[in-house]
Amino acid sequence: MSQNDEETSFFERERDRLSREITSGFEELLSSTNVLNRKLEEVLGMTKEYDTIASLWHSFYRLMSTSGQDPDASEEQPGLPGTGSHIVTMKQGQQQK
């Protein structure tokens, strides 16, 4: 056997080095992807919490807006002007000018 057969060639050493480098890069990519997934799950969990809080404040707002008013009066004004929920209606017997 010649000396080249016993030793690995330059090509084989370079191939092994590059394979290790690629493997290391993939492991780093996998680790970074796992961190990103955990952060995304945290963000999604927080948005669900905010939906609950927003719903609570909306209920509080509706309660406060109708407190001290006649129940019939709250039906006439279903929303606040400028919010897109205010609907102007005419009572029966009124004519539009």
Protein backbone atom coordinates (compact mmCIF):
# COMPACT_ATOMS: atom_id res chain seq x y z
CA MET A 1 0.00 0.00 0.00
CA SER A 2 1.22 3.45 -0.78
CA GLN A 3 1.34 6.36 1.62
CA ASN A 4 -1.70 7.98 -0.03
CA ASP A 5 -3.83 4.91 0.61
CA GLU A 6 -3.00 4.94 4.33
CA GLU A 7 -3.60 8.64 4.81
CA THR A 8 -6.83 10.30 3.91
CA SER A 9 -6.66 12.51 0.90
CA PHE A 10 -7.09 16.27 1.04
CA PHE A 11 -10.51 15.89 -0.57
CA GLU A 12 -11.72 13.49 2.13
CA ARG A 13 -10.41 15.71 4.96
CA GLU A 14 -12.06 18.77 3.43
CA ARG A 15 -15.30 16.85 2.90
CA ASP A 16 -15.33 15.72 6.56
CA ARG A 17 -14.57 19.25 7.79
CA LEU A 18 -17.33 20.76 5.68
CA SER A 19 -19.76 18.04 6.80
CA ARG A 20 -19.02 18.87 10.45
CA GLU A 21 -19.47 22.57 9.73
CA ILE A 22 -22.80 21.98 8.00
CA THR A 23 -23.96 19.72 10.83
CA SER A 24 -23.02 22.39 13.36
CA GLY A 25 -24.89 25.02 11.33
CA PHE A 26 -28.02 22.85 11.21
CA GLU A 27 -27.88 22.28 14.96
CA GLU A 28 -27.62 26.04 15.53
CA LEU A 29 -30.52 26.64 13.13
CA LEU A 30 -32.64 24.05 14.94
CA SER A 31 -31.87 25.64 18.29
CA SER A 32 -32.76 29.12 16.99
CA THR A 33 -35.99 27.80 15.48
CA ASN A 34 -36.98 26.25 18.81
CA VAL A 35 -36.35 29.57 20.59
CA LEU A 36 -38.45 31.37 17.98
CA ASN A 37 -41.31 28.87 18.40
CA ARG A 38 -41.28 29.36 22.18
CA LYS A 39 -41.41 33.16 21.76
CA LEU A 40 -44.30 32.89 19.28
CA GLU A 41 -46.22 30.67 21.70
CA GLU A 42 -45.66 33.26 24.45
CA VAL A 43 -46.96 36.05 22.20
CA LEU A 44 -50.03 34.04 21.21
CA GLY A 45 -50.71 33.27 24.87
CA MET A 46 -50.48 36.95 25.74
CA THR A 47 -52.93 37.96 23.01
CA LYS A 48 -55.47 35.50 24.42
CA GLU A 49 -55.03 37.11 27.83
CA TYR A 50 -55.57 40.56 26.30
CA ASP A 51 -58.78 39.37 24.64
CA THR A 52 -60.08 38.33 28.06
CA ILE A 53 -59.13 41.69 29.59
CA ALA A 54 -60.65 43.59 26.65
CA SER A 55 -63.88 41.64 27.04
CA LEU A 56 -63.95 42.45 30.75
CA TRP A 57 -63.43 46.18 30.12
CA HIS A 58 -66.09 46.15 27.41
CA SER A 59 -68.56 44.61 29.86
CA PHE A 60 -67.61 47.24 32.42
CA TYR A 61 -68.07 50.01 29.84
CA ARG A 62 -71.52 48.73 28.88
CA LEU A 63 -72.52 48.49 32.53
CA MET A 64 -71.32 52.02 33.27
CA SER A 65 -72.91 53.51 30.16
CA THR A 66 -76.32 52.08 31.05
CA SER A 67 -76.21 52.74 34.80
CA GLY A 68 -78.47 55.56 35.94
CA GLN A 69 -80.40 55.57 32.68
CA ASP A 70 -83.90 54.47 31.94
CA PRO A 71 -83.76 50.95 30.41
CA ASP A 72 -85.95 52.17 27.52
CA ALA A 73 -83.55 55.07 26.83
CA SER A 74 -80.59 52.73 26.43
CA GLU A 75 -82.45 50.89 23.69
CA GLU A 76 -82.94 54.14 21.76
CA GLN A 77 -79.21 54.89 21.69
CA PRO A 78 -77.34 51.65 21.04
CA GLY A 79 -73.92 53.31 20.68
CA LEU A 80 -71.93 56.49 20.96
CA PRO A 81 -71.74 58.98 18.09
CA GLY A 82 -68.39 58.83 16.32
CA THR A 83 -67.71 55.20 17.21
CA GLY A 84 -69.57 53.69 14.29
CA SER A 85 -72.12 52.03 16.56
CA HIS A 86 -74.52 54.98 16.89
CA ILE A 87 -77.71 54.45 14.90
CA VAL A 88 -80.18 57.23 14.42
CA THR A 89 -83.77 55.98 14.34
CA MET A 90 -87.11 57.71 14.19
CA LYS A 91 -89.96 56.86 16.52
CA GLN A 92 -93.29 55.96 15.02
CA GLY A 93 -95.34 59.02 14.20
CA GLN A 94 -92.33 61.25 13.52
CA GLN A 95 -91.78 62.51 10.01
CA GLN A 96 -88.45 63.16 8.39
CA LYS A 97 -87.95 66.81 7.45
